[in-house]
């Protein structure tokens, strides 16, 4: 069974990684922004032609988009956390973004050395 909320969270995360608004994504795949909103909130299950268009737009397989295997793909919590991080990053000014990037690289080096 397809989980509409899981698909919606994936669509939202993918859209935000491309820095697109719901309106911009809707225009790219020729639907209304309300359709995108309803998809992202899990209110509707997308039809096959829409799934195909979304997968093509985001350059992923249809299976990646609709897979119910949450552990194999990404958990809902993981997708929500990624979305929150993306939103936070998008709100940063350039100097803060640069600082955060450098900090992340340092953290990554530190933790990779421990493994």
PDB file of N, CA and C in Angstrom:
ATOM      1  N   UNK A   1       0.840  -1.189   0.000  1.00  0.00           N
ATOM      2  CA  UNK A   1       0.000   0.000   0.000  1.00  0.00           C
ATOM      3  C   UNK A   1       0.884   1.251   0.000  1.00  0.00           C
ATOM      4  N   UNK A   2       0.495   2.217  -0.757  1.00  0.00           N
ATOM      5  CA  UNK A   2       1.232   3.469  -0.863  1.00  0.00           C
ATOM      6  C   UNK A   2       0.891   4.365   0.330  1.00  0.00           C
ATOM      7  N   UNK A   3       1.907   4.959   0.935  1.00  0.00           N
ATOM      8  CA  UNK A   3       1.710   5.870   2.063  1.00  0.00           C
ATOM      9  C   UNK A   3       1.757   7.303   1.541  1.00  0.00           C
ATOM     10  N   UNK A   4       0.613   7.975   1.438  1.00  0.00           N
ATOM     11  CA  UNK A   4       0.582   9.323   0.870  1.00  0.00           C
ATOM     12  C   UNK A   4       1.437  10.333   1.641  1.00  0.00           C
ATOM     13  N   UNK A   5       1.491  10.211   2.965  1.00  0.00           N
ATOM     14  CA  UNK A   5       2.284  11.158   3.746  1.00  0.00           C
ATOM     15  C   UNK A   5       3.767  10.980   3.462  1.00  0.00           C
ATOM     16  N   UNK A   6       4.211   9.731   3.363  1.00  0.00           N
ATOM     17  CA  UNK A   6       5.620   9.475   3.057  1.00  0.00           C
ATOM     18  C   UNK A   6       5.988  10.054   1.690  1.00  0.00           C
ATOM     19  N   UNK A   7       5.140   9.839   0.709  1.00  0.00           N
ATOM     20  CA  UNK A   7       5.389  10.394  -0.621  1.00  0.00           C
ATOM     21  C   UNK A   7       5.408  11.919  -0.545  1.00  0.00           C
ATOM     22  N   UNK A   8       4.456  12.482   0.180  1.00  0.00           N
ATOM     23  CA  UNK A   8       4.379  13.937   0.313  1.00  0.00           C
ATOM     24  C   UNK A   8       5.617  14.530   0.949  1.00  0.00           C
ATOM     25  N   UNK A   9       6.117  13.886   1.989  1.00  0.00           N
ATOM     26  CA  UNK A   9       7.333  14.386   2.644  1.00  0.00           C
ATOM     27  C   UNK A   9       8.538  14.287   1.714  1.00  0.00           C
ATOM     28  N   UNK A  10       8.588  13.230   0.921  1.00  0.00           N
ATOM     29  CA  UNK A  10       9.676  13.096  -0.056  1.00  0.00           C
ATOM     30  C   UNK A  10       9.598  14.217  -1.085  1.00  0.00           C
ATOM     31  N   UNK A  11       8.399  14.447  -1.594  1.00  0.00           N
ATOM     32  CA  UNK A  11       8.219  15.504  -2.600  1.00  0.00           C
ATOM     33  C   UNK A  11       8.634  16.852  -2.019  1.00  0.00           C
ATOM     34  N   UNK A  12       8.204  17.130  -0.794  1.00  0.00           N
ATOM     35  CA  UNK A  12       8.550  18.404  -0.164  1.00  0.00           C
ATOM     36  C   UNK A  12      10.056  18.543   0.011  1.00  0.00           C
ATOM     37  N   UNK A  13      10.700  17.495   0.499  1.00  0.00           N
ATOM     38  CA  UNK A  13      12.154  17.552   0.704  1.00  0.00           C
ATOM     39  C   UNK A  13      12.883  17.724  -0.624  1.00  0.00           C
ATOM     40  N   UNK A  14      12.456  16.996  -1.637  1.00  0.00           N
ATOM     41  CA  UNK A  14      13.092  17.115  -2.954  1.00  0.00           C
ATOM     42  C   UNK A  14      12.890  18.503  -3.538  1.00  0.00           C
ATOM     43  N   UNK A  15      11.679  19.033  -3.393  1.00  0.00           N
ATOM     44  CA  UNK A  15      11.394  20.377  -3.908  1.00  0.00           C
ATOM     45  C   UNK A  15      12.273  21.409  -3.228  1.00  0.00           C
ATOM     46  N   UNK A  16      12.411  21.283  -1.921  1.00  0.00           N
ATOM     47  CA  UNK A  16      13.198  22.270  -1.186  1.00  0.00           C
ATOM     48  C   UNK A  16      14.694  22.164  -1.486  1.00  0.00           C
ATOM     49  N   UNK A  17      15.169  20.971  -1.806  1.00  0.00           N
ATOM     50  CA  UNK A  17      16.584  20.861  -2.177  1.00  0.00           C
ATOM     51  C   UNK A  17      16.854  21.565  -3.498  1.00  0.00           C
ATOM     52  N   UNK A  18      15.826  21.715  -4.308  1.00  0.00           N
ATOM     53  CA  UNK A  18      15.960  22.456  -5.568  1.00  0.00           C
ATOM     54  C   UNK A  18      15.585  23.931  -5.400  1.00  0.00           C
ATOM     55  N   UNK A  19      15.338  24.335  -4.160  1.00  0.00           N
ATOM     56  CA  UNK A  19      14.943  25.718  -3.860  1.00  0.00           C
ATOM     57  C   UNK A  19      13.740  26.159  -4.687  1.00  0.00           C
ATOM     58  N   UNK A  20      12.767  25.286  -4.809  1.00  0.00           N
ATOM     59  CA  UNK A  20      11.566  25.600  -5.575  1.00  0.00           C
ATOM     60  C   UNK A  20      10.392  25.843  -4.635  1.00  0.00           C
ATOM     61  N   UNK A  21       9.531  26.739  -5.047  1.00  0.00           N
ATOM     62  CA  UNK A  21       8.270  26.923  -4.344  1.00  0.00           C
ATOM     63  C   UNK A  21       7.288  25.871  -4.857  1.00  0.00           C
ATOM     64  N   UNK A  22       6.183  25.732  -4.150  1.00  0.00           N
ATOM     65  CA  UNK A  22       5.139  24.826  -4.636  1.00  0.00           C
ATOM     66  C   UNK A  22       4.638  25.281  -6.008  1.00  0.00           C
ATOM     67  N   UNK A  23       4.541  26.585  -6.175  1.00  0.00           N
ATOM     68  CA  UNK A  23       4.067  27.130  -7.444  1.00  0.00           C
ATOM     69  C   UNK A  23       5.028  26.801  -8.587  1.00  0.00           C
ATOM     70  N   UNK A  24       6.324  26.920  -8.327  1.00  0.00           N
ATOM     71  CA  UNK A  24       7.318  26.622  -9.364  1.00  0.00           C
ATOM     72  C   UNK A  24       7.293  25.144  -9.745  1.00  0.00           C
ATOM     73  N   UNK A  25       7.215  24.266  -8.743  1.00  0.00           N
ATOM     74  CA  UNK A  25       7.141  22.832  -9.033  1.00  0.00           C
ATOM     75  C   UNK A  25       5.872  22.520  -9.816  1.00  0.00           C
ATOM     76  N   UNK A  26       4.779  23.115  -9.398  1.00  0.00           N
ATOM     77  CA  UNK A  26       3.503  22.884 -10.087  1.00  0.00           C
ATOM     78  C   UNK A  26       3.599  23.279 -11.558  1.00  0.00           C
ATOM     79  N   UNK A  27       4.250  24.409 -11.814  1.00  0.00           N
ATOM     80  CA  UNK A  27       4.400  24.865 -13.199  1.00  0.00           C
ATOM     81  C   UNK A  27       5.256  23.889 -14.011  1.00  0.00           C
ATOM     82  N   UNK A  28       6.339  23.392 -13.407  1.00  0.00           N
ATOM     83  CA  UNK A  28       7.223  22.457 -14.104  1.00  0.00           C
ATOM     84  C   UNK A  28       6.507  21.175 -14.512  1.00  0.00           C
ATOM     85  N   UNK A  29       5.607  20.691 -13.649  1.00  0.00           N
ATOM     86  CA  UNK A  29       4.953  19.414 -13.964  1.00  0.00           C
ATOM     87  C   UNK A  29       3.498  19.583 -14.402  1.00  0.00           C
ATOM     88  N   UNK A  30       3.115  20.843 -14.631  1.00  0.00           N
ATOM     89  CA  UNK A  30       1.826  21.168 -15.223  1.00  0.00           C
ATOM     90  C   UNK A  30       0.618  20.747 -14.373  1.00  0.00           C
ATOM     91  N   UNK A  31       0.674  21.132 -13.094  1.00  0.00           N
ATOM     92  CA  UNK A  31      -0.466  20.949 -12.189  1.00  0.00           C
ATOM     93  C   UNK A  31      -0.633  22.249 -11.403  1.00  0.00           C
ATOM     94  N   UNK A  32      -1.670  22.311 -10.590  1.00  0.00           N
ATOM     95  CA  UNK A  32      -1.874  23.511  -9.772  1.00  0.00           C
ATOM     96  C   UNK A  32      -1.028  23.429  -8.511  1.00  0.00           C
ATOM     97  N   UNK A  33      -0.777  24.582  -7.898  1.00  0.00           N
ATOM     98  CA  UNK A  33      -0.016  24.583  -6.646  1.00  0.00           C
ATOM     99  C   UNK A  33      -0.800  23.870  -5.551  1.00  0.00           C
ATOM    100  N   UNK A  34      -2.143  23.892  -5.656  1.00  0.00           N
ATOM    101  CA  UNK A  34      -2.966  23.178  -4.669  1.00  0.00           C
ATOM    102  C   UNK A  34      -2.713  21.670  -4.727  1.00  0.00           C
ATOM    103  N   UNK A  35      -2.487  21.182  -5.941  1.00  0.00           N
ATOM    104  CA  UNK A  35      -2.167  19.756  -6.091  1.00  0.00           C
ATOM    105  C   UNK A  35      -0.876  19.437  -5.360  1.00  0.00           C
ATOM    106  N   UNK A  36       0.141  20.283  -5.524  1.00  0.00           N
ATOM    107  CA  UNK A  36       1.418  20.078  -4.838  1.00  0.00           C
ATOM    108  C   UNK A  36       1.216  20.152  -3.329  1.00  0.00           C
ATOM    109  N   UNK A  37       0.458  21.136  -2.877  1.00  0.00           N
ATOM    110  CA  UNK A  37       0.185  21.279  -1.446  1.00  0.00           C
ATOM    111  C   UNK A  37      -0.507  20.031  -0.901  1.00  0.00           C
ATOM    112  N   UNK A  38      -1.515  19.545  -1.615  1.00  0.00           N
ATOM    113  CA  UNK A  38      -2.237  18.348  -1.177  1.00  0.00           C
ATOM    114  C   UNK A  38      -1.342  17.113  -1.184  1.00  0.00           C
ATOM    115  N   UNK A  39      -0.436  17.044  -2.156  1.00  0.00           N
ATOM    116  CA  UNK A  39       0.511  15.932  -2.193  1.00  0.00           C
ATOM    117  C   UNK A  39       1.443  15.974  -0.992  1.00  0.00           C
ATOM    118  N   UNK A  40       2.000  17.143  -0.731  1.00  0.00           N
ATOM    119  CA  UNK A  40       2.989  17.281   0.338  1.00  0.00           C
ATOM    120  C   UNK A  40       2.397  17.030   1.722  1.00  0.00           C
ATOM    121  N   UNK A  41       1.128  17.279   1.886  1.00  0.00           N
ATOM    122  CA  UNK A  41       0.490  17.043   3.186  1.00  0.00           C
ATOM    123  C   UNK A  41      -0.129  15.652   3.272  1.00  0.00           C
ATOM    124  N   UNK A  42       0.011  14.854   2.225  1.00  0.00           N
ATOM    125  CA  UNK A  42      -0.502  13.489   2.239  1.00  0.00           C
ATOM    126  C   UNK A  42      -1.999  13.382   2.087  1.00  0.00           C
ATOM    127  N   UNK A  43      -2.646  14.439   1.605  1.00  0.00           N
ATOM    128  CA  UNK A  43      -4.104  14.424   1.465  1.00  0.00           C
ATOM    129  C   UNK A  43      -4.563  13.600   0.267  1.00  0.00           C
ATOM    130  N   UNK A  44      -3.670  13.446  -0.717  1.00  0.00           N
ATOM    131  CA  UNK A  44      -4.020  12.681  -1.915  1.00  0.00           C
ATOM    132  C   UNK A  44      -2.873  11.757  -2.293  1.00  0.00           C
ATOM    133  N   UNK A  45      -3.229  10.687  -2.982  1.00  0.00           N
ATOM    134  CA  UNK A  45      -2.227   9.797  -3.568  1.00  0.00           C
ATOM    135  C   UNK A  45      -2.086  10.214  -5.031  1.00  0.00           C
ATOM    136  N   UNK A  46      -0.864  10.511  -5.475  1.00  0.00           N
ATOM    137  CA  UNK A  46      -0.704  10.969  -6.856  1.00  0.00           C
ATOM    138  C   UNK A  46      -1.013   9.863  -7.869  1.00  0.00           C
ATOM    139  N   UNK A  47      -1.583  10.258  -8.989  1.00  0.00           N
ATOM    140  CA  UNK A  47      -1.844   9.324 -10.079  1.00  0.00           C
ATOM    141  C   UNK A  47      -0.520   9.000 -10.769  1.00  0.00           C
ATOM    142  N   UNK A  48      -0.534   7.943 -11.537  1.00  0.00           N
ATOM    143  CA  UNK A  48       0.691   7.440 -12.160  1.00  0.00           C
ATOM    144  C   UNK A  48       1.383   8.480 -13.037  1.00  0.00           C
ATOM    145  N   UNK A  49       0.620   9.244 -13.816  1.00  0.00           N
ATOM    146  CA  UNK A  49       1.255  10.240 -14.683  1.00  0.00           C
ATOM    147  C   UNK A  49       1.945  11.329 -13.862  1.00  0.00           C
ATOM    148  N   UNK A  50       1.374  11.671 -12.708  1.00  0.00           N
ATOM    149  CA  UNK A  50       1.988  12.664 -11.838  1.00  0.00           C
ATOM    150  C   UNK A  50       3.232  12.086 -11.160  1.00  0.00           C
ATOM    151  N   UNK A  51       3.159  10.838 -10.733  1.00  0.00           N
ATOM    152  CA  UNK A  51       4.326  10.171 -10.144  1.00  0.00           C
ATOM    153  C   UNK A  51       5.468  10.144 -11.151  1.00  0.00           C
ATOM    154  N   UNK A  52       5.147   9.804 -12.380  1.00  0.00           N
ATOM    155  CA  UNK A  52       6.167   9.769 -13.429  1.00  0.00           C
ATOM    156  C   UNK A  52       6.787  11.147 -13.630  1.00  0.00           C
ATOM    157  N   UNK A  53       5.952  12.177 -13.707  1.00  0.00           N
ATOM    158  CA  UNK A  53       6.450  13.538 -13.897  1.00  0.00           C
ATOM    159  C   UNK A  53       7.327  14.006 -12.745  1.00  0.00           C
ATOM    160  N   UNK A  54       6.930  13.688 -11.523  1.00  0.00           N
ATOM    161  CA  UNK A  54       7.721  14.068 -10.349  1.00  0.00           C
ATOM    162  C   UNK A  54       9.060  13.332 -10.330  1.00  0.00           C
ATOM    163  N   UNK A  55       9.030  12.027 -10.589  1.00  0.00           N
ATOM    164  CA  UNK A  55      10.268  11.244 -10.601  1.00  0.00           C
ATOM    165  C   UNK A  55      11.215  11.772 -11.675  1.00  0.00           C
ATOM    166  N   UNK A  56      10.686  12.068 -12.828  1.00  0.00           N
ATOM    167  CA  UNK A  56      11.511  12.604 -13.917  1.00  0.00           C
ATOM    168  C   UNK A  56      12.084  13.969 -13.537  1.00  0.00           C
ATOM    169  N   UNK A  57      11.247  14.825 -12.972  1.00  0.00           N
ATOM    170  CA  UNK A  57      11.683  16.169 -12.589  1.00  0.00           C
ATOM    171  C   UNK A  57      12.800  16.123 -11.554  1.00  0.00           C
ATOM    172  N   UNK A  58      12.687  15.211 -10.586  1.00  0.00           N
ATOM    173  CA  UNK A  58      13.684  15.126  -9.523  1.00  0.00           C
ATOM    174  C   UNK A  58      14.814  14.147  -9.842  1.00  0.00           C
ATOM    175  N   UNK A  59      14.753  13.541 -11.014  1.00  0.00           N
ATOM    176  CA  UNK A  59      15.793  12.617 -11.472  1.00  0.00           C
ATOM    177  C   UNK A  59      15.976  11.452 -10.495  1.00  0.00           C
ATOM    178  N   UNK A  60      14.851  10.853 -10.103  1.00  0.00           N
ATOM    179  CA  UNK A  60      14.868   9.663  -9.258  1.00  0.00           C
ATOM    180  C   UNK A  60      13.952   8.626  -9.886  1.00  0.00           C
ATOM    181  N   UNK A  61      14.058   7.388  -9.432  1.00  0.00           N
ATOM    182  CA  UNK A  61      13.174   6.350  -9.960  1.00  0.00           C
ATOM    183  C   UNK A  61      11.787   6.473  -9.326  1.00  0.00           C
ATOM    184  N   UNK A  62      10.817   5.926 -10.012  1.00  0.00           N
ATOM    185  CA  UNK A  62       9.463   5.904  -9.461  1.00  0.00           C
ATOM    186  C   UNK A  62       9.461   5.112  -8.155  1.00  0.00           C
ATOM    187  N   UNK A  63      10.217   4.033  -8.112  1.00  0.00           N
ATOM    188  CA  UNK A  63      10.308   3.231  -6.900  1.00  0.00           C
ATOM    189  C   UNK A  63      10.829   4.046  -5.721  1.00  0.00           C
ATOM    190  N   UNK A  64      11.826   4.885  -5.959  1.00  0.00           N
ATOM    191  CA  UNK A  64      12.356   5.731  -4.878  1.00  0.00           C
ATOM    192  C   UNK A  64      11.285   6.677  -4.348  1.00  0.00           C
ATOM    193  N   UNK A  65      10.430   7.133  -5.236  1.00  0.00           N
ATOM    194  CA  UNK A  65       9.397   8.092  -4.841  1.00  0.00           C
ATOM    195  C   UNK A  65       8.262   7.436  -4.063  1.00  0.00           C
ATOM    196  N   UNK A  66       7.859   6.235  -4.451  1.00  0.00           N
ATOM    197  CA  UNK A  66       6.657   5.647  -3.860  1.00  0.00           C
ATOM    198  C   UNK A  66       6.918   4.464  -2.939  1.00  0.00           C
ATOM    199  N   UNK A  67       8.158   4.076  -2.773  1.00  0.00           N
ATOM    200  CA  UNK A  67       8.475   2.893  -1.972  1.00  0.00           C
ATOM    201  C   UNK A  67       7.929   3.009  -0.563  1.00  0.00           C
ATOM    202  N   UNK A  68       7.309   1.925  -0.093  1.00  0.00           N
ATOM    203  CA  UNK A  68       6.814   1.860   1.282  1.00  0.00           C
ATOM    204  C   UNK A  68       7.882   1.420   2.258  1.00  0.00           C
ATOM    205  N   UNK A  69       8.992   0.970   1.749  1.00  0.00           N
ATOM    206  CA  UNK A  69      10.048   0.494   2.627  1.00  0.00           C
ATOM    207  C   UNK A  69      10.755   1.695   3.232  1.00  0.00           C
ATOM    208  N   UNK A  70      10.218   2.179   4.346  1.00  0.00           N
ATOM    209  CA  UNK A  70      10.709   3.404   4.975  1.00  0.00           C
ATOM    210  C   UNK A  70      12.170   3.278   5.364  1.00  0.00           C
ATOM    211  N   UNK A  71      12.564   2.137   5.925  1.00  0.00           N
ATOM    212  CA  UNK A  71      13.951   1.959   6.341  1.00  0.00           C
ATOM    213  C   UNK A  71      14.891   1.946   5.138  1.00  0.00           C
ATOM    214  N   UNK A  72      14.451   1.379   4.022  1.00  0.00           N
ATOM    215  CA  UNK A  72      15.285   1.306   2.827  1.00  0.00           C
ATOM    216  C   UNK A  72      15.447   2.683   2.187  1.00  0.00           C
ATOM    217  N   UNK A  73      14.399   3.462   2.194  1.00  0.00           N
ATOM    218  CA  UNK A  73      14.459   4.779   1.588  1.00  0.00           C
ATOM    219  C   UNK A  73      14.879   5.766   2.668  1.00  0.00           C
ATOM    220  N   UNK A  74      13.945   6.370   3.338  1.00  0.00           N
ATOM    221  CA  UNK A  74      14.218   7.264   4.464  1.00  0.00           C
ATOM    222  C   UNK A  74      12.985   7.281   5.348  1.00  0.00           C
ATOM    223  N   UNK A  75      13.205   7.359   6.629  1.00  0.00           N
ATOM    224  CA  UNK A  75      12.075   7.395   7.550  1.00  0.00           C
ATOM    225  C   UNK A  75      11.382   8.752   7.468  1.00  0.00           C
ATOM    226  N   UNK A  76      10.150   8.783   7.914  1.00  0.00           N
ATOM    227  CA  UNK A  76       9.415  10.050   7.952  1.00  0.00           C
ATOM    228  C   UNK A  76      10.149  11.062   8.821  1.00  0.00           C
ATOM    229  N   UNK A  77      10.643  10.596   9.953  1.00  0.00           N
ATOM    230  CA  UNK A  77      11.367  11.493  10.857  1.00  0.00           C
ATOM    231  C   UNK A  77      12.580  12.073  10.154  1.00  0.00           C
ATOM    232  N   UNK A  78      13.306  11.234   9.431  1.00  0.00           N
ATOM    233  CA  UNK A  78      14.500  11.697   8.707  1.00  0.00           C
ATOM    234  C   UNK A  78      14.104  12.755   7.675  1.00  0.00           C
ATOM    235  N   UNK A  79      13.058  12.495   6.912  1.00  0.00           N
ATOM    236  CA  UNK A  79      12.617  13.459   5.905  1.00  0.00           C
ATOM    237  C   UNK A  79      12.165  14.771   6.537  1.00  0.00           C
ATOM    238  N   UNK A  80      11.477  14.698   7.671  1.00  0.00           N
ATOM    239  CA  UNK A  80      11.047  15.912   8.358  1.00  0.00           C
ATOM    240  C   UNK A  80      12.249  16.694   8.869  1.00  0.00           C
ATOM    241  N   UNK A  81      13.234  15.978   9.414  1.00  0.00           N
ATOM    242  CA  UNK A  81      14.439  16.647   9.901  1.00  0.00           C
ATOM    243  C   UNK A  81      15.204  17.302   8.761  1.00  0.00           C
ATOM    244  N   UNK A  82      15.324  16.614   7.637  1.00  0.00           N
ATOM    245  CA  UNK A  82      16.011  17.192   6.484  1.00  0.00           C
ATOM    246  C   UNK A  82      15.292  18.450   6.005  1.00  0.00           C
ATOM    247  N   UNK A  83      13.971  18.401   5.982  1.00  0.00           N
ATOM    248  CA  UNK A  83      13.189  19.560   5.562  1.00  0.00           C
ATOM    249  C   UNK A  83      13.416  20.732   6.505  1.00  0.00           C
ATOM    250  N   UNK A  84      13.448  20.467   7.806  1.00  0.00           N
ATOM    251  CA  UNK A  84      13.691  21.537   8.782  1.00  0.00           C
ATOM    252  C   UNK A  84      15.082  22.128   8.607  1.00  0.00           C
ATOM    253  N   UNK A  85      16.068  21.279   8.367  1.00  0.00           N
ATOM    254  CA  UNK A  85      17.441  21.767   8.161  1.00  0.00           C
ATOM    255  C   UNK A  85      17.509  22.617   6.898  1.00  0.00           C
ATOM    256  N   UNK A  86      16.877  22.165   5.829  1.00  0.00           N
ATOM    257  CA  UNK A  86      16.878  22.919   4.572  1.00  0.00           C
ATOM    258  C   UNK A  86      16.229  24.283   4.777  1.00  0.00           C
ATOM    259  N   UNK A  87      15.097  24.317   5.468  1.00  0.00           N
ATOM    260  CA  UNK A  87      14.414  25.594   5.717  1.00  0.00           C
ATOM    261  C   UNK A  87      15.296  26.530   6.544  1.00  0.00           C
ATOM    262  N   UNK A  88      15.982  25.989   7.533  1.00  0.00           N
ATOM    263  CA  UNK A  88      16.868  26.795   8.377  1.00  0.00           C
ATOM    264  C   UNK A  88      18.017  27.355   7.558  1.00  0.00           C
ATOM    265  N   UNK A  89      18.617  26.513   6.736  1.00  0.00           N
ATOM    266  CA  UNK A  89      19.747  26.952   5.904  1.00  0.00           C
ATOM    267  C   UNK A  89      19.310  28.038   4.922  1.00  0.00           C
ATOM    268  N   UNK A  90      18.150  27.865   4.330  1.00  0.00           N
ATOM    269  CA  UNK A  90      17.663  28.844   3.357  1.00  0.00           C
ATOM    270  C   UNK A  90      17.456  30.216   3.979  1.00  0.00           C
ATOM    271  N   UNK A  91      17.205  30.271   5.273  1.00  0.00           N
ATOM    272  CA  UNK A  91      16.953  31.548   5.951  1.00  0.00           C
ATOM    273  C   UNK A  91      18.244  32.256   6.379  1.00  0.00           C
ATOM    274  N   UNK A  92      19.389  31.601   6.247  1.00  0.00           N
ATOM    275  CA  UNK A  92      20.646  32.181   6.709  1.00  0.00           C
ATOM    276  C   UNK A  92      21.193  33.232   5.747  1.00  0.00           C
ATOM    277  N   UNK A  93      21.905  34.217   6.302  1.00  0.00           N
ATOM    278  CA  UNK A  93      22.620  35.153   5.442  1.00  0.00           C
ATOM    279  C   UNK A  93      23.912  34.473   4.980  1.00  0.00           C
ATOM    280  N   UNK A  94      24.596  35.058   4.007  1.00  0.00           N
ATOM    281  CA  UNK A  94      25.775  34.438   3.396  1.00  0.00           C
ATOM    282  C   UNK A  94      26.901  34.171   4.399  1.00  0.00           C
ATOM    283  N   UNK A  95      27.174  35.129   5.283  1.00  0.00           N
ATOM    284  CA  UNK A  95      28.258  34.953   6.251  1.00  0.00           C
ATOM    285  C   UNK A  95      27.967  33.817   7.223  1.00  0.00           C
ATOM    286  N   UNK A  96      26.738  33.756   7.700  1.00  0.00           N
ATOM    287  CA  UNK A  96      26.361  32.692   8.625  1.00  0.00           C
ATOM    288  C   UNK A  96      26.408  31.337   7.927  1.00  0.00           C
ATOM    289  N   UNK A  97      25.964  31.298   6.696  1.00  0.00           N
ATOM    290  CA  UNK A  97      26.004  30.060   5.922  1.00  0.00           C
ATOM    291  C   UNK A  97      27.435  29.556   5.768  1.00  0.00           C
ATOM    292  N   UNK A  98      28.349  30.444   5.463  1.00  0.00           N
ATOM    293  CA  UNK A  98      29.758  30.072   5.330  1.00  0.00           C
ATOM    294  C   UNK A  98      30.296  29.531   6.650  1.00  0.00           C
ATOM    295  N   UNK A  99      29.964  30.189   7.762  1.00  0.00           N
ATOM    296  CA  UNK A  99      30.398  29.745   9.083  1.00  0.00           C
ATOM    297  C   UNK A  99      29.858  28.342   9.382  1.00  0.00           C
ATOM    298  N   UNK A 100      28.590  28.128   9.114  1.00  0.00           N
ATOM    299  CA  UNK A 100      27.965  26.831   9.365  1.00  0.00           C
ATOM    300  C   UNK A 100      28.616  25.753   8.504  1.00  0.00           C
ATOM    301  N   UNK A 101      28.878  26.070   7.254  1.00  0.00           N
ATOM    302  CA  UNK A 101      29.527  25.102   6.356  1.00  0.00           C
ATOM    303  C   UNK A 101      30.887  24.688   6.913  1.00  0.00           C
ATOM    304  N   UNK A 102      31.684  25.654   7.338  1.00  0.00           N
ATOM    305  CA  UNK A 102      33.005  25.352   7.900  1.00  0.00           C
ATOM    306  C   UNK A 102      32.879  24.530   9.175  1.00  0.00           C
ATOM    307  N   UNK A 103      31.904  24.851   9.992  1.00  0.00           N
ATOM    308  CA  UNK A 103      31.677  24.127  11.240  1.00  0.00           C
ATOM    309  C   UNK A 103      31.293  22.672  10.953  1.00  0.00           C
ATOM    310  N   UNK A 104      30.439  22.465   9.978  1.00  0.00           N
ATOM    311  CA  UNK A 104      30.026  21.110   9.604  1.00  0.00           C
ATOM    312  C   UNK A 104      31.224  20.306   9.114  1.00  0.00           C
ATOM    313  N   UNK A 105      32.092  20.930   8.315  1.00  0.00           N
ATOM    314  CA  UNK A 105      33.282  20.227   7.836  1.00  0.00           C
ATOM    315  C   UNK A 105      34.183  19.821   8.997  1.00  0.00           C
ATOM    316  N   UNK A 106      34.327  20.696   9.976  1.00  0.00           N
ATOM    317  CA  UNK A 106      35.128  20.359  11.156  1.00  0.00           C
ATOM    318  C   UNK A 106      34.504  19.210  11.950  1.00  0.00           C
ATOM    319  N   UNK A 107      33.203  19.253  12.138  1.00  0.00           N
ATOM    320  CA  UNK A 107      32.511  18.174  12.842  1.00  0.00           C
ATOM    321  C   UNK A 107      32.669  16.847  12.099  1.00  0.00           C
ATOM    322  N   UNK A 108      32.516  16.908  10.807  1.00  0.00           N
ATOM    323  CA  UNK A 108      32.648  15.710   9.982  1.00  0.00           C
ATOM    324  C   UNK A 108      34.048  15.109  10.128  1.00  0.00           C
ATOM    325  N   UNK A 109      35.076  15.943  10.061  1.00  0.00           N
ATOM    326  CA  UNK A 109      36.446  15.478  10.228  1.00  0.00           C
ATOM    327  C   UNK A 109      36.636  14.867  11.613  1.00  0.00           C
ATOM    328  N   UNK A 110      36.122  15.516  12.623  1.00  0.00           N
ATOM    329  CA  UNK A 110      36.276  15.040  13.993  1.00  0.00           C
ATOM    330  C   UNK A 110      35.642  13.664  14.178  1.00  0.00           C
ATOM    331  N   UNK A 111      34.418  13.505  13.687  1.00  0.00           N
ATOM    332  CA  UNK A 111      33.717  12.242  13.887  1.00  0.00           C
ATOM    333  C   UNK A 111      34.245  11.134  12.983  1.00  0.00           C
ATOM    334  N   UNK A 112      34.739  11.491  11.801  1.00  0.00           N
ATOM    335  CA  UNK A 112      35.309  10.475  10.921  1.00  0.00           C
ATOM    336  C   UNK A 112      36.599   9.934  11.497  1.00  0.00           C
ATOM    337  N   UNK A 113      37.373  10.770  12.222  1.00  0.00           N
ATOM    338  CA  UNK A 113      38.614  10.334  12.837  1.00  0.00           C
ATOM    339  C   UNK A 113      38.333   9.343  13.960  1.00  0.00           C
ATOM    340  N   UNK A 114      37.166   9.456  14.614  1.00  0.00           N
ATOM    341  CA  UNK A 114      36.820   8.610  15.744  1.00  0.00           C
ATOM    342  C   UNK A 114      36.354   7.224  15.297  1.00  0.00           C
ATOM    343  N   UNK A 115      35.929   7.135  14.046  1.00  0.00           N
ATOM    344  CA  UNK A 115      35.367   5.857  13.547  1.00  0.00           C
ATOM    345  C   UNK A 115      36.469   4.909  13.134  1.00  0.00           C
TER     346      UNK A 115
END
